Amino acid sequence: MKKYIAVIVIALIILGVGYFFSINLTNSMRASRAESVGHTYIEKVYKEYSILGEVCQGVDTDSDGYVSCTFRVGKEGVEKEVNLQCPTYIKSFLGNECKATQMVLPQ
């Protein structure tokens, strides 16, 4: 009987660890794809700027297929942040692009 309990406990631990890593892997893949699509968007819209940094979250909080990304772009001493909603895998392969969440006006 103790052998069965030990096997069940070990199996539950393995399943828990597998679930944890699969969630982290999924979030990482979403963020990576959104970042890639975001780079393409920034290169098209902000041609005169270079990308200084970016961060994309991997969690789609409202289940619309988009995640939030913030890109820091700059040129000749001018820096600005661009907040985007970028598509994850399914929407990005359907041809969808990032959406600006706020309008950034030149200063």
N, C-alpha and C. Protein backbone atom coordinates (compact mmCIF):
# COMPACT_ATOMS: atom_id res chain seq x y z
N MET A 1 0.82 -1.20 0.00
CA MET A 1 0.00 0.00 0.00
C MET A 1 0.86 1.26 0.00
N LYS A 2 1.94 1.25 0.80
CA LYS A 2 2.82 2.43 0.86
C LYS A 2 3.51 2.66 -0.48
N LYS A 3 3.79 1.58 -1.21
CA LYS A 3 4.42 1.72 -2.52
C LYS A 3 3.49 2.47 -3.48
N TYR A 4 2.22 2.14 -3.44
CA TYR A 4 1.25 2.81 -4.32
C TYR A 4 1.10 4.28 -3.99
N ILE A 5 1.10 4.60 -2.72
CA ILE A 5 1.00 6.01 -2.30
C ILE A 5 2.23 6.78 -2.76
N ALA A 6 3.41 6.17 -2.62
CA ALA A 6 4.64 6.82 -3.05
C ALA A 6 4.62 7.05 -4.56
N VAL A 7 4.15 6.08 -5.32
CA VAL A 7 4.08 6.21 -6.78
C VAL A 7 3.09 7.30 -7.16
N ILE A 8 1.96 7.35 -6.49
CA ILE A 8 0.96 8.38 -6.77
C ILE A 8 1.50 9.77 -6.45
N VAL A 9 2.20 9.90 -5.33
CA VAL A 9 2.77 11.20 -4.95
C VAL A 9 3.82 11.63 -5.96
N ILE A 10 4.67 10.73 -6.37
CA ILE A 10 5.71 11.05 -7.36
C ILE A 10 5.05 11.42 -8.70
N ALA A 11 4.02 10.70 -9.09
CA ALA A 11 3.32 11.01 -10.35
C ALA A 11 2.68 12.39 -10.28
N LEU A 12 2.08 12.73 -9.15
CA LEU A 12 1.48 14.06 -8.99
C LEU A 12 2.54 15.17 -9.03
N ILE A 13 3.67 14.92 -8.44
CA ILE A 13 4.76 15.91 -8.49
C ILE A 13 5.25 16.10 -9.92
N ILE A 14 5.42 15.01 -10.63
CA ILE A 14 5.86 15.10 -12.03
C ILE A 14 4.83 15.85 -12.87
N LEU A 15 3.56 15.54 -12.69
CA LEU A 15 2.51 16.25 -13.43
C LEU A 15 2.49 17.74 -13.08
N GLY A 16 2.65 18.07 -11.82
CA GLY A 16 2.67 19.48 -11.40
C GLY A 16 3.83 20.24 -12.00
N VAL A 17 5.01 19.63 -11.98
CA VAL A 17 6.19 20.27 -12.56
C VAL A 17 6.02 20.42 -14.08
N GLY A 18 5.48 19.39 -14.73
CA GLY A 18 5.24 19.46 -16.17
C GLY A 18 4.25 20.55 -16.53
N TYR A 19 3.20 20.68 -15.74
CA TYR A 19 2.22 21.73 -15.98
C TYR A 19 2.85 23.11 -15.82
N PHE A 20 3.64 23.30 -14.78
CA PHE A 20 4.31 24.58 -14.53
C PHE A 20 5.22 24.95 -15.70
N PHE A 21 6.03 24.00 -16.17
CA PHE A 21 6.94 24.31 -17.28
C PHE A 21 6.19 24.51 -18.59
N SER A 22 5.08 23.81 -18.82
CA SER A 22 4.33 24.02 -20.06
C SER A 22 3.70 25.41 -20.07
N ILE A 23 3.21 25.90 -18.94
CA ILE A 23 2.65 27.25 -18.87
C ILE A 23 3.73 28.28 -19.14
N ASN A 24 4.89 28.11 -18.52
CA ASN A 24 6.00 29.05 -18.74
C ASN A 24 6.48 29.02 -20.18
N LEU A 25 6.54 27.84 -20.79
CA LEU A 25 6.96 27.72 -22.18
C LEU A 25 5.96 28.39 -23.11
N THR A 26 4.67 28.20 -22.86
CA THR A 26 3.63 28.83 -23.68
C THR A 26 3.72 30.35 -23.58
N ASN A 27 3.87 30.88 -22.39
CA ASN A 27 3.99 32.33 -22.22
C ASN A 27 5.23 32.87 -22.90
N SER A 28 6.32 32.14 -22.81
CA SER A 28 7.56 32.57 -23.46
C SER A 28 7.41 32.58 -24.98
N MET A 29 6.74 31.57 -25.53
CA MET A 29 6.53 31.53 -26.97
C MET A 29 5.62 32.67 -27.43
N ARG A 30 4.57 32.97 -26.66
CA ARG A 30 3.68 34.09 -27.01
C ARG A 30 4.45 35.40 -27.03
N ALA A 31 5.24 35.63 -25.98
CA ALA A 31 6.00 36.87 -25.89
C ALA A 31 7.02 36.98 -27.01
N SER A 32 7.66 35.88 -27.34
CA SER A 32 8.67 35.88 -28.40
C SER A 32 8.03 36.19 -29.76
N ARG A 33 6.89 35.59 -30.05
CA ARG A 33 6.22 35.84 -31.34
C ARG A 33 5.72 37.28 -31.41
N ALA A 34 5.14 37.77 -30.31
CA ALA A 34 4.66 39.16 -30.29
C ALA A 34 5.81 40.13 -30.46
N GLU A 35 6.94 39.84 -29.87
CA GLU A 35 8.12 40.69 -30.00
C GLU A 35 8.61 40.73 -31.45
N SER A 36 8.60 39.59 -32.10
CA SER A 36 9.01 39.51 -33.50
C SER A 36 8.09 40.33 -34.40
N VAL A 37 6.79 40.18 -34.22
CA VAL A 37 5.81 40.94 -35.01
C VAL A 37 5.92 42.43 -34.67
N GLY A 38 6.18 42.75 -33.41
CA GLY A 38 6.35 44.14 -32.99
C GLY A 38 7.55 44.80 -33.64
N HIS A 39 8.65 44.06 -33.77
CA HIS A 39 9.83 44.60 -34.45
C HIS A 39 9.50 44.98 -35.88
N THR A 40 8.77 44.13 -36.56
CA THR A 40 8.38 44.41 -37.94
C THR A 40 7.52 45.67 -38.01
N TYR A 41 6.58 45.80 -37.09
CA TYR A 41 5.69 46.96 -37.04
C TYR A 41 6.50 48.24 -36.80
N ILE A 42 7.39 48.22 -35.83
CA ILE A 42 8.21 49.40 -35.50
C ILE A 42 9.08 49.78 -36.69
N GLU A 43 9.66 48.80 -37.37
CA GLU A 43 10.51 49.10 -38.52
C GLU A 43 9.72 49.74 -39.66
N LYS A 44 8.43 49.40 -39.79
CA LYS A 44 7.60 50.00 -40.83
C LYS A 44 7.14 51.41 -40.46
N VAL A 45 6.67 51.58 -39.23
CA VAL A 45 6.04 52.83 -38.82
C VAL A 45 7.05 53.87 -38.37
N TYR A 46 8.06 53.46 -37.67
CA TYR A 46 9.07 54.38 -37.13
C TYR A 46 10.40 54.14 -37.84
N LYS A 47 10.43 54.38 -39.14
CA LYS A 47 11.59 54.08 -39.96
C LYS A 47 12.84 54.84 -39.52
N GLU A 48 12.68 56.08 -39.08
CA GLU A 48 13.83 56.90 -38.72
C GLU A 48 14.36 56.60 -37.32
N TYR A 49 13.65 55.76 -36.56
CA TYR A 49 14.05 55.42 -35.20
C TYR A 49 14.70 54.04 -35.17
N SER A 50 15.56 53.84 -34.19
CA SER A 50 16.09 52.51 -33.95
C SER A 50 15.51 51.97 -32.65
N ILE A 51 15.39 50.68 -32.57
CA ILE A 51 14.82 50.05 -31.38
C ILE A 51 15.90 49.94 -30.31
N LEU A 52 15.63 50.53 -29.16
CA LEU A 52 16.58 50.52 -28.05
C LEU A 52 16.27 49.41 -27.04
N GLY A 53 15.03 49.00 -26.97
CA GLY A 53 14.64 47.94 -26.05
C GLY A 53 13.18 47.58 -26.23
N GLU A 54 12.83 46.40 -25.74
CA GLU A 54 11.45 45.96 -25.85
C GLU A 54 11.14 44.98 -24.73
N VAL A 55 9.88 44.92 -24.40
CA VAL A 55 9.39 43.93 -23.45
C VAL A 55 7.95 43.59 -23.84
N CYS A 56 7.68 42.29 -23.92
CA CYS A 56 6.34 41.81 -24.23
C CYS A 56 5.93 40.83 -23.15
N GLN A 57 4.71 40.97 -22.70
CA GLN A 57 4.21 39.99 -21.73
C GLN A 57 3.72 38.77 -22.48
N GLY A 58 3.74 37.65 -21.82
CA GLY A 58 3.32 36.42 -22.47
C GLY A 58 1.91 36.00 -22.15
N VAL A 59 1.20 36.80 -21.35
CA VAL A 59 -0.14 36.43 -20.93
C VAL A 59 -1.16 37.27 -21.69
N ASP A 60 -2.07 36.60 -22.34
CA ASP A 60 -3.18 37.25 -23.05
C ASP A 60 -4.31 37.43 -22.04
N THR A 61 -4.36 38.57 -21.38
CA THR A 61 -5.27 38.77 -20.25
C THR A 61 -6.74 38.83 -20.65
N ASP A 62 -7.05 39.29 -21.87
CA ASP A 62 -8.46 39.38 -22.26
C ASP A 62 -8.84 38.38 -23.37
N SER A 63 -7.98 37.43 -23.64
CA SER A 63 -8.24 36.33 -24.58
C SER A 63 -8.64 36.80 -25.98
N ASP A 64 -8.00 37.89 -26.45
CA ASP A 64 -8.29 38.37 -27.80
C ASP A 64 -7.19 38.00 -28.80
N GLY A 65 -6.17 37.26 -28.35
CA GLY A 65 -5.09 36.85 -29.24
C GLY A 65 -3.97 37.86 -29.33
N TYR A 66 -4.00 38.90 -28.51
CA TYR A 66 -2.96 39.94 -28.51
C TYR A 66 -2.37 40.06 -27.11
N VAL A 67 -1.07 40.37 -27.04
CA VAL A 67 -0.42 40.63 -25.76
C VAL A 67 0.18 42.04 -25.80
N SER A 68 0.40 42.60 -24.64
CA SER A 68 0.93 43.96 -24.54
C SER A 68 2.44 43.96 -24.71
N CYS A 69 2.91 44.91 -25.49
CA CYS A 69 4.35 45.10 -25.71
C CYS A 69 4.68 46.58 -25.57
N THR A 70 5.84 46.86 -25.03
CA THR A 70 6.35 48.22 -24.96
C THR A 70 7.71 48.24 -25.64
N PHE A 71 7.85 49.11 -26.62
CA PHE A 71 9.12 49.28 -27.33
C PHE A 71 9.67 50.66 -27.02
N ARG A 72 10.96 50.71 -26.75
CA ARG A 72 11.64 51.99 -26.55
C ARG A 72 12.44 52.25 -27.82
N VAL A 73 12.12 53.35 -28.48
CA VAL A 73 12.79 53.71 -29.73
C VAL A 73 13.48 55.06 -29.56
N GLY A 74 14.48 55.30 -30.39
CA GLY A 74 15.18 56.57 -30.27
C GLY A 74 15.93 56.94 -31.53
N LYS A 75 16.26 58.22 -31.59
CA LYS A 75 17.10 58.76 -32.67
C LYS A 75 17.73 60.05 -32.17
N GLU A 76 18.98 60.23 -32.39
CA GLU A 76 19.71 61.48 -32.11
C GLU A 76 19.27 62.16 -30.82
N GLY A 77 19.35 61.47 -29.72
CA GLY A 77 19.03 62.07 -28.43
C GLY A 77 17.56 62.13 -28.08
N VAL A 78 16.69 61.64 -28.94
CA VAL A 78 15.24 61.63 -28.67
C VAL A 78 14.82 60.18 -28.44
N GLU A 79 14.21 59.93 -27.30
CA GLU A 79 13.70 58.60 -27.00
C GLU A 79 12.21 58.68 -26.70
N LYS A 80 11.50 57.62 -27.06
CA LYS A 80 10.07 57.54 -26.72
C LYS A 80 9.69 56.08 -26.56
N GLU A 81 8.59 55.89 -25.86
CA GLU A 81 8.05 54.55 -25.69
C GLU A 81 6.83 54.39 -26.58
N VAL A 82 6.72 53.23 -27.19
CA VAL A 82 5.58 52.91 -28.04
C VAL A 82 4.90 51.69 -27.43
N ASN A 83 3.66 51.85 -27.03
CA ASN A 83 2.88 50.75 -26.45
C ASN A 83 2.02 50.13 -27.53
N LEU A 84 2.16 48.82 -27.69
CA LEU A 84 1.45 48.09 -28.74
C LEU A 84 0.73 46.89 -28.17
N GLN A 85 -0.29 46.45 -28.89
CA GLN A 85 -0.93 45.16 -28.67
C GLN A 85 -0.52 44.32 -29.88
N CYS A 86 0.31 43.32 -29.66
CA CYS A 86 0.82 42.51 -30.76
C CYS A 86 0.21 41.11 -30.74
N PRO A 87 -0.04 40.54 -31.93
CA PRO A 87 -0.68 39.24 -31.99
C PRO A 87 0.25 38.11 -31.57
N THR A 88 -0.35 37.05 -31.04
CA THR A 88 0.42 35.85 -30.75
C THR A 88 0.34 34.93 -31.97
N TYR A 89 0.61 33.66 -31.81
CA TYR A 89 0.80 32.78 -32.96
C TYR A 89 -0.34 32.74 -33.95
N ILE A 90 -1.52 32.41 -33.54
CA ILE A 90 -2.61 32.19 -34.49
C ILE A 90 -2.92 33.46 -35.27
N LYS A 91 -3.11 34.58 -34.58
CA LYS A 91 -3.45 35.83 -35.26
C LYS A 91 -2.30 36.34 -36.12
N SER A 92 -1.05 36.13 -35.69
CA SER A 92 0.07 36.64 -36.47
C SER A 92 0.22 35.89 -37.79
N PHE A 93 -0.09 34.60 -37.81
CA PHE A 93 0.00 33.85 -39.05
C PHE A 93 -1.20 34.10 -39.96
N LEU A 94 -2.25 34.72 -39.43
CA LEU A 94 -3.40 35.09 -40.25
C LEU A 94 -3.20 36.47 -40.89
N GLY A 95 -2.04 37.08 -40.67
CA GLY A 95 -1.73 38.35 -41.29
C GLY A 95 -2.01 39.56 -40.43
N ASN A 96 -2.42 39.37 -39.20
CA ASN A 96 -2.68 40.50 -38.31
C ASN A 96 -1.38 41.15 -37.87
N GLU A 97 -1.44 42.45 -37.64
CA GLU A 97 -0.28 43.19 -37.17
C GLU A 97 -0.58 43.78 -35.81
N CYS A 98 0.42 44.44 -35.26
CA CYS A 98 0.26 45.08 -33.96
C CYS A 98 -0.69 46.26 -34.06
N LYS A 99 -1.30 46.58 -32.93
CA LYS A 99 -2.19 47.74 -32.84
C LYS A 99 -1.60 48.69 -31.81
N ALA A 100 -1.57 49.97 -32.15
CA ALA A 100 -1.07 50.97 -31.20
C ALA A 100 -2.13 51.19 -30.12
N THR A 101 -1.71 51.16 -28.86
CA THR A 101 -2.66 51.36 -27.77
C THR A 101 -2.76 52.82 -27.36
N GLN A 102 -1.79 53.60 -27.76
CA GLN A 102 -1.87 55.04 -27.53
C GLN A 102 -1.13 55.73 -28.65
N MET A 103 -1.59 56.88 -29.01
CA MET A 103 -0.95 57.63 -30.09
C MET A 103 0.23 58.39 -29.51
N VAL A 104 1.40 58.22 -30.12
CA VAL A 104 2.60 58.92 -29.68
C VAL A 104 2.82 60.08 -30.63
N LEU A 105 2.74 61.29 -30.12
CA LEU A 105 2.92 62.47 -30.95
C LEU A 105 4.37 62.93 -30.90
N PRO A 106 4.91 63.43 -32.00
CA PRO A 106 6.28 63.91 -32.01
C PRO A 106 6.40 65.14 -31.10
N GLN A 107 7.56 65.24 -30.47
CA GLN A 107 7.77 66.37 -29.57
C GLN A 107 8.75 67.36 -30.15
